[in-house]
Amino acid sequence: MGRSVSFSSLVKKLLDRRGLRSLLIPLVSHRARTKGKGLKRIFYDHGVWIHESSSGYFVFHEPVAGLDMANICALAREHFLWGYTPSSGDVVLDVGAGVGEEALLFSRQVGERGKVICVEGHPRTHRCLEQLIKYNNLTNTVSLQLLVTEPDVEHSIIEDSHDYLTNSIMSSVGFSVGATTVDAIYQKLGLDRVNFMKMNIEGAERLAMKGMTEALKRTEVLCISCHDFLAEETGNEFFRTKSAVREFLQHHGLKVVERLGDGLPPYLRDQLWAYNENLKRSVQLTGSPN
């Protein structure tokens, strides 16, 4: 099996270029269909690969023929709907939206009356996000290509690794991208109330919280992915954020709930859910205690 995977990767690498993609497209589409995991076809558009499935369109910077559509949707729910379920008319802010797997889920839940605001800094990842919004016709969803960091920073460098999930701003090499704060986003978009904020920005949450004190007053529920597990894996203390984020949230009067339980992967154990009890609307809790 190892040789098969290596050969497949080699074929994709050789053919994923101008003039040869017309050969690659039928190969990956056929391979996707034969795996029987919900993919109908794979094609190339505007520099990214579109994956059409029974669950909608998903977009990546390379073709992924073995994508399990049921699993990708289930993971989105497990990871970011544990402590709150968005409902019709909600406003959701997705900071570190990636290629948009969760944004697609949020968009469907908030419906036509709701709004999803996606913030993603990495240029190639943001292009995938834009195409996901376009192909799924998510008229209630907008995207901003910005890095969220601390105040008084106009630009920052984001890493450009092959795995979009690991790109962080702890790098001197990569893309220079415009930077902002969460407070500035609220002010620019006139957000008086956000029902749910998801934040997953690879350690930059320690910087982002310096520029979100006003936003906390207008946000009902937050899910912040901390990255202590990466500090353990890499030895880089920049990623050890959970204690600082917890203290920040509690200092501003939010009720903080952690995910506990045997068998949880480290990245879920590092999540912090926070509830603004000063906002009168009752929230829908799916996994957390009342």
C-alpha atoms as a PDB file:
ATOM      1  CA  MET A   1       0.000   0.000   0.000  1.00  0.00           C
ATOM      2  CA  GLY A   2       2.875   2.375   0.773  1.00  0.00           C
ATOM      3  CA  ARG A   3       4.207   2.034  -2.765  1.00  0.00           C
ATOM      4  CA  SER A   4       0.746   2.677  -4.215  1.00  0.00           C
ATOM      5  CA  VAL A   5       0.363   5.894  -2.220  1.00  0.00           C
ATOM      6  CA  SER A   6       3.853   7.035  -3.210  1.00  0.00           C
ATOM      7  CA  PHE A   7       3.182   6.302  -6.869  1.00  0.00           C
ATOM      8  CA  SER A   8      -0.134   8.183  -6.717  1.00  0.00           C
ATOM      9  CA  SER A   9       1.557  11.182  -5.127  1.00  0.00           C
ATOM     10  CA  LEU A  10       4.295  11.096  -7.736  1.00  0.00           C
ATOM     11  CA  VAL A  11       1.755  11.037 -10.585  1.00  0.00           C
ATOM     12  CA  LYS A  12      -0.081  14.025  -9.108  1.00  0.00           C
ATOM     13  CA  LYS A  13       3.157  15.933  -8.666  1.00  0.00           C
ATOM     14  CA  LEU A  14       4.247  15.252 -12.243  1.00  0.00           C
ATOM     15  CA  LEU A  15       0.902  16.061 -13.863  1.00  0.00           C
ATOM     16  CA  ASP A  16      -0.333  18.945 -11.684  1.00  0.00           C
ATOM     17  CA  ARG A  17       1.027  21.656 -13.972  1.00  0.00           C
ATOM     18  CA  ARG A  18      -0.052  23.649 -16.980  1.00  0.00           C
ATOM     19  CA  GLY A  19      -0.381  21.548 -20.115  1.00  0.00           C
ATOM     20  CA  LEU A  20      -0.648  18.264 -18.226  1.00  0.00           C
ATOM     21  CA  ARG A  21      -3.660  18.795 -15.932  1.00  0.00           C
ATOM     22  CA  SER A  22      -6.000  17.638 -18.709  1.00  0.00           C
ATOM     23  CA  LEU A  23      -4.432  14.195 -18.201  1.00  0.00           C
ATOM     24  CA  LEU A  24      -4.625  14.346 -14.414  1.00  0.00           C
ATOM     25  CA  ILE A  25      -8.282  15.402 -14.129  1.00  0.00           C
ATOM     26  CA  PRO A  26      -9.876  12.163 -15.473  1.00  0.00           C
ATOM     27  CA  LEU A  27      -7.410  10.072 -13.463  1.00  0.00           C
ATOM     28  CA  VAL A  28      -8.211  11.635 -10.098  1.00  0.00           C
ATOM     29  CA  SER A  29     -11.956  11.814 -10.838  1.00  0.00           C
ATOM     30  CA  HIS A  30     -12.048   8.112 -11.707  1.00  0.00           C
ATOM     31  CA  ARG A  31     -10.033   7.222  -8.627  1.00  0.00           C
ATOM     32  CA  ALA A  32     -12.357   9.305  -6.427  1.00  0.00           C
ATOM     33  CA  ARG A  33     -15.505   7.630  -7.777  1.00  0.00           C
ATOM     34  CA  THR A  34     -14.119   4.120  -7.396  1.00  0.00           C
ATOM     35  CA  LYS A  35     -13.388   4.726  -3.712  1.00  0.00           C
ATOM     36  CA  GLY A  36     -17.107   5.224  -3.089  1.00  0.00           C
ATOM     37  CA  LYS A  37     -16.729   7.856  -0.379  1.00  0.00           C
ATOM     38  CA  GLY A  38     -19.120  10.455  -1.761  1.00  0.00           C
ATOM     39  CA  LEU A  39     -16.935  12.203  -4.348  1.00  0.00           C
ATOM     40  CA  LYS A  40     -18.486  12.617  -7.796  1.00  0.00           C
ATOM     41  CA  ARG A  41     -15.727  14.390  -9.702  1.00  0.00           C
ATOM     42  CA  ILE A  42     -12.620  16.521  -9.283  1.00  0.00           C
ATOM     43  CA  PHE A  43     -11.690  19.409 -11.564  1.00  0.00           C
ATOM     44  CA  TYR A  44      -9.386  22.422 -11.706  1.00  0.00           C
ATOM     45  CA  ASP A  45     -10.468  26.073 -11.619  1.00  0.00           C
ATOM     46  CA  HIS A  46      -8.649  29.345 -10.883  1.00  0.00           C
ATOM     47  CA  GLY A  47      -5.563  27.687  -9.441  1.00  0.00           C
ATOM     48  CA  VAL A  48      -7.317  25.274  -7.071  1.00  0.00           C
ATOM     49  CA  TRP A  49      -8.935  21.838  -7.198  1.00  0.00           C
ATOM     50  CA  ILE A  50     -12.727  21.573  -6.851  1.00  0.00           C
ATOM     51  CA  HIS A  51     -14.123  18.386  -5.309  1.00  0.00           C
ATOM     52  CA  GLU A  52     -17.800  17.870  -6.130  1.00  0.00           C
ATOM     53  CA  SER A  53     -19.616  15.583  -3.723  1.00  0.00           C
ATOM     54  CA  SER A  54     -23.081  14.668  -2.549  1.00  0.00           C
ATOM     55  CA  SER A  55     -22.449  16.980   0.442  1.00  0.00           C
ATOM     56  CA  GLY A  56     -21.430  19.994  -1.628  1.00  0.00           C
ATOM     57  CA  TYR A  57     -18.223  21.349  -3.106  1.00  0.00           C
ATOM     58  CA  PHE A  58     -14.913  21.245  -1.233  1.00  0.00           C
ATOM     59  CA  VAL A  59     -11.767  22.961  -2.469  1.00  0.00           C
ATOM     60  CA  PHE A  60      -8.073  22.203  -1.939  1.00  0.00           C
ATOM     61  CA  HIS A  61      -4.800  23.273  -3.497  1.00  0.00           C
ATOM     62  CA  GLU A  62      -4.277  19.733  -4.800  1.00  0.00           C
ATOM     63  CA  PRO A  63      -6.606  16.867  -5.812  1.00  0.00           C
ATOM     64  CA  VAL A  64      -7.506  14.533  -2.942  1.00  0.00           C
ATOM     65  CA  ALA A  65      -9.070  11.444  -4.493  1.00  0.00           C
ATOM     66  CA  GLY A  66      -9.370   9.573  -1.194  1.00  0.00           C
ATOM     67  CA  LEU A  67     -11.418  12.258   0.536  1.00  0.00           C
ATOM     68  CA  ASP A  68     -14.106  10.757   2.790  1.00  0.00           C
ATOM     69  CA  MET A  69     -17.003  13.200   2.549  1.00  0.00           C
ATOM     70  CA  ALA A  70     -19.003  11.738   5.436  1.00  0.00           C
ATOM     71  CA  ASN A  71     -15.933  11.940   7.654  1.00  0.00           C
ATOM     72  CA  ILE A  72     -15.046  15.524   6.736  1.00  0.00           C
ATOM     73  CA  CYS A  73     -18.551  16.717   7.635  1.00  0.00           C
ATOM     74  CA  ALA A  74     -18.616  14.680  10.843  1.00  0.00           C
ATOM     75  CA  LEU A  75     -15.247  16.078  11.925  1.00  0.00           C
ATOM     76  CA  ALA A  76     -16.404  19.647  11.360  1.00  0.00           C
ATOM     77  CA  ARG A  77     -19.342  19.010  13.681  1.00  0.00           C
ATOM     78  CA  GLU A  78     -17.260  17.192  16.285  1.00  0.00           C
ATOM     79  CA  HIS A  79     -14.551  19.833  16.370  1.00  0.00           C
ATOM     80  CA  PHE A  80     -16.521  23.073  16.342  1.00  0.00           C
ATOM     81  CA  LEU A  81     -20.146  22.368  17.289  1.00  0.00           C
ATOM     82  CA  TRP A  82     -19.476  20.680  20.622  1.00  0.00           C
ATOM     83  CA  GLY A  83     -20.496  23.612  22.795  1.00  0.00           C
ATOM     84  CA  TYR A  84     -22.893  25.551  20.574  1.00  0.00           C
ATOM     85  CA  THR A  85     -25.178  24.935  17.622  1.00  0.00           C
ATOM     86  CA  PRO A  86     -25.763  27.980  15.386  1.00  0.00           C
ATOM     87  CA  SER A  87     -29.388  28.520  14.450  1.00  0.00           C
ATOM     88  CA  SER A  88     -31.325  30.419  11.811  1.00  0.00           C
ATOM     89  CA  GLY A  89     -30.442  34.116  11.768  1.00  0.00           C
ATOM     90  CA  ASP A  90     -27.190  33.774  13.718  1.00  0.00           C
ATOM     91  CA  VAL A  91     -24.049  35.749  12.939  1.00  0.00           C
ATOM     92  CA  VAL A  92     -20.922  33.575  12.979  1.00  0.00           C
ATOM     93  CA  LEU A  93     -17.324  34.829  12.795  1.00  0.00           C
ATOM     94  CA  ASP A  94     -14.849  32.178  11.623  1.00  0.00           C
ATOM     95  CA  VAL A  95     -11.308  33.399  12.372  1.00  0.00           C
ATOM     96  CA  GLY A  96      -8.824  31.105  10.690  1.00  0.00           C
ATOM     97  CA  ALA A  97     -11.423  29.663   8.339  1.00  0.00           C
ATOM     98  CA  GLY A  98      -8.927  27.600   6.338  1.00  0.00           C
ATOM     99  CA  VAL A  99     -10.418  26.192   3.144  1.00  0.00           C
ATOM    100  CA  GLY A 100     -13.940  26.484   4.550  1.00  0.00           C
ATOM    101  CA  GLU A 101     -15.079  23.057   5.729  1.00  0.00           C
ATOM    102  CA  GLU A 102     -16.637  24.558   8.862  1.00  0.00           C
ATOM    103  CA  ALA A 103     -17.850  27.661   7.017  1.00  0.00           C
ATOM    104  CA  LEU A 104     -19.989  25.466   4.777  1.00  0.00           C
ATOM    105  CA  LEU A 105     -21.570  23.884   7.838  1.00  0.00           C
ATOM    106  CA  PHE A 106     -22.111  27.246   9.566  1.00  0.00           C
ATOM    107  CA  SER A 107     -23.642  28.759   6.426  1.00  0.00           C
ATOM    108  CA  ARG A 108     -26.244  26.027   6.154  1.00  0.00           C
ATOM    109  CA  GLN A 109     -27.163  26.293   9.810  1.00  0.00           C
ATOM    110  CA  VAL A 110     -27.652  30.065   9.978  1.00  0.00           C
ATOM    111  CA  GLY A 111     -29.711  30.077   6.770  1.00  0.00           C
ATOM    112  CA  GLU A 112     -30.748  33.003   4.610  1.00  0.00           C
ATOM    113  CA  ARG A 113     -31.386  35.255   7.594  1.00  0.00           C
ATOM    114  CA  GLY A 114     -27.950  34.641   9.062  1.00  0.00           C
ATOM    115  CA  LYS A 115     -24.420  35.628   8.160  1.00  0.00           C
ATOM    116  CA  VAL A 116     -21.023  33.930   8.215  1.00  0.00           C
ATOM    117  CA  ILE A 117     -17.857  36.031   8.125  1.00  0.00           C
ATOM    118  CA  CYS A 118     -14.701  34.085   7.290  1.00  0.00           C
ATOM    119  CA  VAL A 119     -11.218  35.447   7.965  1.00  0.00           C
ATOM    120  CA  GLU A 120      -8.241  33.660   6.391  1.00  0.00           C
ATOM    121  CA  GLY A 121      -4.804  35.125   5.762  1.00  0.00           C
ATOM    122  CA  HIS A 122      -2.899  32.622   3.640  1.00  0.00           C
ATOM    123  CA  PRO A 123      -3.331  33.592  -0.050  1.00  0.00           C
ATOM    124  CA  ARG A 124      -3.643  30.082  -1.490  1.00  0.00           C
ATOM    125  CA  THR A 125      -5.877  28.882   1.318  1.00  0.00           C
ATOM    126  CA  HIS A 126      -8.048  31.978   0.953  1.00  0.00           C
ATOM    127  CA  ARG A 127      -8.403  31.248  -2.767  1.00  0.00           C
ATOM    128  CA  CYS A 128      -9.745  27.789  -1.871  1.00  0.00           C
ATOM    129  CA  LEU A 129     -12.146  29.411   0.589  1.00  0.00           C
ATOM    130  CA  GLU A 130     -13.401  31.872  -2.035  1.00  0.00           C
ATOM    131  CA  GLN A 131     -14.075  29.081  -4.498  1.00  0.00           C
ATOM    132  CA  LEU A 132     -15.883  27.001  -1.874  1.00  0.00           C
ATOM    133  CA  ILE A 133     -18.181  29.972  -1.206  1.00  0.00           C
ATOM    134  CA  LYS A 134     -18.720  30.477  -4.943  1.00  0.00           C
ATOM    135  CA  TYR A 135     -19.402  26.854  -5.931  1.00  0.00           C
ATOM    136  CA  ASN A 136     -21.727  26.204  -2.992  1.00  0.00           C
ATOM    137  CA  ASN A 137     -23.545  29.502  -3.660  1.00  0.00           C
ATOM    138  CA  LEU A 138     -23.180  30.616  -0.058  1.00  0.00           C
ATOM    139  CA  THR A 139     -24.891  33.978  -0.424  1.00  0.00           C
ATOM    140  CA  ASN A 140     -24.866  34.510   3.348  1.00  0.00           C
ATOM    141  CA  THR A 141     -21.076  34.111   3.596  1.00  0.00           C
ATOM    142  CA  VAL A 142     -18.239  36.584   3.008  1.00  0.00           C
ATOM    143  CA  SER A 143     -14.477  36.152   3.231  1.00  0.00           C
ATOM    144  CA  LEU A 144     -11.700  38.532   4.276  1.00  0.00           C
ATOM    145  CA  GLN A 145      -8.066  37.871   3.401  1.00  0.00           C
ATOM    146  CA  LEU A 146      -6.422  39.138   6.567  1.00  0.00           C
ATOM    147  CA  LEU A 147      -4.230  37.859   9.380  1.00  0.00           C
ATOM    148  CA  VAL A 148      -5.628  38.426  12.859  1.00  0.00           C
ATOM    149  CA  THR A 149      -2.986  39.511  15.328  1.00  0.00           C
ATOM    150  CA  GLU A 150      -2.220  42.172  17.965  1.00  0.00           C
ATOM    151  CA  PRO A 151      -2.923  45.914  17.597  1.00  0.00           C
ATOM    152  CA  ASP A 152      -0.658  48.274  15.625  1.00  0.00           C
ATOM    153  CA  VAL A 153       0.501  45.605  13.163  1.00  0.00           C
ATOM    154  CA  GLU A 154      -0.306  46.410   9.530  1.00  0.00           C
ATOM    155  CA  HIS A 155       1.332  43.371   7.891  1.00  0.00           C
ATOM    156  CA  SER A 156       2.603  40.023   9.056  1.00  0.00           C
ATOM    157  CA  ILE A 157       4.338  37.011   7.526  1.00  0.00           C
ATOM    158  CA  ILE A 158       2.490  33.724   7.277  1.00  0.00           C
ATOM    159  CA  GLU A 159       4.315  30.479   6.649  1.00  0.00           C
ATOM    160  CA  ASP A 160       3.824  28.662   3.347  1.00  0.00           C
ATOM    161  CA  SER A 161       4.026  24.970   4.166  1.00  0.00           C
ATOM    162  CA  HIS A 162       2.504  22.243   2.016  1.00  0.00           C
ATOM    163  CA  ASP A 163      -0.040  21.428   4.735  1.00  0.00           C
ATOM    164  CA  TYR A 164      -2.359  24.454   5.016  1.00  0.00           C
ATOM    165  CA  LEU A 165      -3.458  23.305   8.483  1.00  0.00           C
ATOM    166  CA  THR A 166      -0.026  24.034   9.963  1.00  0.00           C
ATOM    167  CA  ASN A 167       0.736  27.466   8.506  1.00  0.00           C
ATOM    168  CA  SER A 168       1.480  29.934  11.313  1.00  0.00           C
ATOM    169  CA  ILE A 169       2.819  33.479  11.644  1.00  0.00           C
ATOM    170  CA  MET A 170       5.883  32.210  13.526  1.00  0.00           C
ATOM    171  CA  SER A 171       8.067  32.407  10.434  1.00  0.00           C
ATOM    172  CA  SER A 172      10.345  34.905   8.762  1.00  0.00           C
ATOM    173  CA  VAL A 173       9.743  33.291   5.368  1.00  0.00           C
ATOM    174  CA  GLY A 174       6.399  33.148   3.588  1.00  0.00           C
ATOM    175  CA  PHE A 175       3.730  35.569   2.407  1.00  0.00           C
ATOM    176  CA  SER A 176       3.366  39.136   3.659  1.00  0.00           C
ATOM    177  CA  VAL A 177      -0.337  39.659   4.346  1.00  0.00           C
ATOM    178  CA  GLY A 178      -2.375  42.562   5.693  1.00  0.00           C
ATOM    179  CA  ALA A 179      -3.073  42.249   9.402  1.00  0.00           C
ATOM    180  CA  THR A 180      -5.891  43.396  11.661  1.00  0.00           C
ATOM    181  CA  THR A 181      -7.497  42.791  15.047  1.00  0.00           C
ATOM    182  CA  VAL A 182     -10.810  41.223  15.962  1.00  0.00           C
ATOM    183  CA  ASP A 183     -11.982  44.551  17.382  1.00  0.00           C
ATOM    184  CA  ALA A 184     -11.160  46.247  14.074  1.00  0.00           C
ATOM    185  CA  ILE A 185     -13.209  43.653  12.157  1.00  0.00           C
ATOM    186  CA  TYR A 186     -16.216  44.274  14.405  1.00  0.00           C
ATOM    187  CA  GLN A 187     -15.859  48.014  13.940  1.00  0.00           C
ATOM    188  CA  LYS A 188     -15.363  47.856  10.163  1.00  0.00           C
ATOM    189  CA  LEU A 189     -18.352  45.543   9.603  1.00  0.00           C
ATOM    190  CA  GLY A 190     -20.571  47.190  12.204  1.00  0.00           C
ATOM    191  CA  LEU A 191     -21.024  44.001  14.204  1.00  0.00           C
ATOM    192  CA  ASP A 192     -23.127  44.802  17.252  1.00  0.00           C
ATOM    193  CA  ARG A 193     -23.701  41.157  18.117  1.00  0.00           C
ATOM    194  CA  VAL A 194     -21.938  37.961  17.095  1.00  0.00           C
ATOM    195  CA  ASN A 195     -23.614  34.773  18.245  1.00  0.00           C
ATOM    196  CA  PHE A 196     -20.627  32.492  17.742  1.00  0.00           C
ATOM    197  CA  MET A 197     -16.921  33.068  17.136  1.00  0.00           C
ATOM    198  CA  LYS A 198     -14.640  30.216  16.158  1.00  0.00           C
ATOM    199  CA  MET A 199     -10.892  30.928  16.280  1.00  0.00           C
ATOM    200  CA  ASN A 200      -8.200  28.526  15.053  1.00  0.00           C
ATOM    201  CA  ILE A 201      -5.036  30.431  14.120  1.00  0.00           C
ATOM    202  CA  GLU A 202      -2.086  28.207  15.016  1.00  0.00           C
ATOM    203  CA  GLY A 203      -0.806  29.912  18.155  1.00  0.00           C
ATOM    204  CA  ALA A 204      -1.598  33.480  17.102  1.00  0.00           C
ATOM    205  CA  GLU A 205      -4.525  33.427  19.543  1.00  0.00           C
ATOM    206  CA  ARG A 206      -2.068  34.741  22.157  1.00  0.00           C
ATOM    207  CA  LEU A 207      -1.644  37.842  19.966  1.00  0.00           C
ATOM    208  CA  ALA A 208      -5.263  38.098  18.814  1.00  0.00           C
ATOM    209  CA  MET A 209      -6.627  38.399  22.352  1.00  0.00           C
ATOM    210  CA  LYS A 210      -4.747  41.696  22.788  1.00  0.00           C
ATOM    211  CA  GLY A 211      -7.063  43.203  20.193  1.00  0.00           C
ATOM    212  CA  MET A 212     -10.456  41.710  21.033  1.00  0.00           C
ATOM    213  CA  THR A 213     -11.521  43.173  24.385  1.00  0.00           C
ATOM    214  CA  GLU A 214     -14.368  45.179  22.840  1.00  0.00           C
ATOM    215  CA  ALA A 215     -15.469  42.247  20.675  1.00  0.00           C
ATOM    216  CA  LEU A 216     -15.898  40.056  23.758  1.00  0.00           C
ATOM    217  CA  LYS A 217     -18.650  42.370  24.981  1.00  0.00           C
ATOM    218  CA  ARG A 218     -20.643  41.679  21.791  1.00  0.00           C
ATOM    219  CA  THR A 219     -19.999  37.932  21.437  1.00  0.00           C
ATOM    220  CA  GLU A 220     -22.232  35.283  22.982  1.00  0.00           C
ATOM    221  CA  VAL A 221     -20.144  32.118  22.526  1.00  0.00           C
ATOM    222  CA  LEU A 222     -16.497  31.560  21.565  1.00  0.00           C
ATOM    223  CA  CYS A 223     -14.557  28.432  20.656  1.00  0.00           C
ATOM    224  CA  ILE A 224     -10.822  29.125  20.718  1.00  0.00           C
ATOM    225  CA  SER A 225      -8.422  26.397  19.626  1.00  0.00           C
ATOM    226  CA  CYS A 226      -5.269  26.673  21.690  1.00  0.00           C
ATOM    227  CA  HIS A 227      -2.123  24.888  20.596  1.00  0.00           C
ATOM    228  CA  ASP A 228      -0.246  23.619  23.620  1.00  0.00           C
ATOM    229  CA  PHE A 229      -0.020  20.239  21.892  1.00  0.00           C
ATOM    230  CA  LEU A 230       2.163  21.860  19.227  1.00  0.00           C
ATOM    231  CA  ALA A 231       4.435  23.253  21.928  1.00  0.00           C
ATOM    232  CA  GLU A 232       4.838  19.696  23.199  1.00  0.00           C
ATOM    233  CA  GLU A 233       5.497  18.364  19.700  1.00  0.00           C
ATOM    234  CA  THR A 234       7.864  21.095  18.491  1.00  0.00           C
ATOM    235  CA  GLY A 235       9.390  22.554  21.654  1.00  0.00           C
ATOM    236  CA  ASN A 236       8.307  26.027  20.491  1.00  0.00           C
ATOM    237  CA  GLU A 237       6.735  27.826  23.460  1.00  0.00           C
ATOM    238  CA  PHE A 238       4.951  30.293  21.163  1.00  0.00           C
ATOM    239  CA  PHE A 239       2.257  27.640  20.767  1.00  0.00           C
ATOM    240  CA  ARG A 240       1.647  27.225  24.521  1.00  0.00           C
ATOM    241  CA  THR A 241      -1.408  29.480  24.760  1.00  0.00           C
ATOM    242  CA  LYS A 242      -4.138  27.733  26.745  1.00  0.00           C
ATOM    243  CA  SER A 243      -3.375  29.146  30.190  1.00  0.00           C
ATOM    244  CA  ALA A 244      -2.995  32.720  28.919  1.00  0.00           C
ATOM    245  CA  VAL A 245      -6.186  32.550  26.842  1.00  0.00           C
ATOM    246  CA  ARG A 246      -8.155  31.026  29.729  1.00  0.00           C
ATOM    247  CA  GLU A 247      -7.003  33.786  32.103  1.00  0.00           C
ATOM    248  CA  PHE A 248      -7.853  36.467  29.535  1.00  0.00           C
ATOM    249  CA  LEU A 249     -11.375  35.166  29.008  1.00  0.00           C
ATOM    250  CA  GLN A 250     -12.061  34.766  32.715  1.00  0.00           C
ATOM    251  CA  HIS A 251     -10.641  38.221  33.458  1.00  0.00           C
ATOM    252  CA  HIS A 252     -13.256  39.659  31.104  1.00  0.00           C
ATOM    253  CA  GLY A 253     -16.075  37.856  32.860  1.00  0.00           C
ATOM    254  CA  LEU A 254     -16.691  34.933  30.515  1.00  0.00           C
ATOM    255  CA  LYS A 255     -17.561  31.462  31.719  1.00  0.00           C
ATOM    256  CA  VAL A 256     -14.890  29.083  30.399  1.00  0.00           C
ATOM    257  CA  VAL A 257     -15.557  25.410  29.706  1.00  0.00           C
ATOM    258  CA  GLU A 258     -12.915  22.881  28.661  1.00  0.00           C
ATOM    259  CA  ARG A 259     -13.357  19.642  26.783  1.00  0.00           C
ATOM    260  CA  LEU A 260     -12.651  16.658  28.998  1.00  0.00           C
ATOM    261  CA  GLY A 261     -12.883  12.935  28.523  1.00  0.00           C
ATOM    262  CA  ASP A 262     -10.851   9.856  27.805  1.00  0.00           C
ATOM    263  CA  GLY A 263      -9.643   9.424  24.258  1.00  0.00           C
ATOM    264  CA  LEU A 264      -9.907  13.054  23.180  1.00  0.00           C
ATOM    265  CA  PRO A 265      -7.146  14.006  20.732  1.00  0.00           C
ATOM    266  CA  PRO A 266      -4.779  16.696  22.061  1.00  0.00           C
ATOM    267  CA  TYR A 267      -6.082  19.411  19.728  1.00  0.00           C
ATOM    268  CA  LEU A 268      -9.585  19.000  21.177  1.00  0.00           C
ATOM    269  CA  ARG A 269      -8.337  18.916  24.773  1.00  0.00           C
ATOM    270  CA  ASP A 270      -6.725  22.293  24.051  1.00  0.00           C
ATOM    271  CA  GLN A 271     -10.020  23.898  22.989  1.00  0.00           C
ATOM    272  CA  LEU A 272     -11.554  26.547  25.237  1.00  0.00           C
ATOM    273  CA  TRP A 273     -15.257  27.366  25.022  1.00  0.00           C
ATOM    274  CA  ALA A 274     -16.377  30.672  26.543  1.00  0.00           C
ATOM    275  CA  TYR A 275     -19.865  32.012  27.269  1.00  0.00           C
ATOM    276  CA  ASN A 276     -20.825  35.642  27.772  1.00  0.00           C
ATOM    277  CA  GLU A 277     -23.475  35.459  30.471  1.00  0.00           C
ATOM    278  CA  ASN A 278     -24.036  39.228  30.325  1.00  0.00           C
ATOM    279  CA  LEU A 279     -25.763  38.812  26.976  1.00  0.00           C
ATOM    280  CA  LYS A 280     -29.343  37.865  27.685  1.00  0.00           C
ATOM    281  CA  ARG A 281     -30.023  35.510  24.789  1.00  0.00           C
ATOM    282  CA  SER A 282     -30.003  31.868  25.882  1.00  0.00           C
ATOM    283  CA  VAL A 283     -27.513  29.772  23.927  1.00  0.00           C
ATOM    284  CA  GLN A 284     -27.930  26.273  22.578  1.00  0.00           C
ATOM    285  CA  LEU A 285     -25.407  24.022  24.232  1.00  0.00           C
ATOM    286  CA  THR A 286     -24.735  20.724  22.513  1.00  0.00           C
ATOM    287  CA  GLY A 287     -21.961  19.173  24.522  1.00  0.00           C
ATOM    288  CA  SER A 288     -21.038  21.471  27.392  1.00  0.00           C
ATOM    289  CA  PRO A 289     -22.604  21.626  30.812  1.00  0.00           C
ATOM    290  CA  ASN A 290     -25.377  24.196  31.433  1.00  0.00           C
END
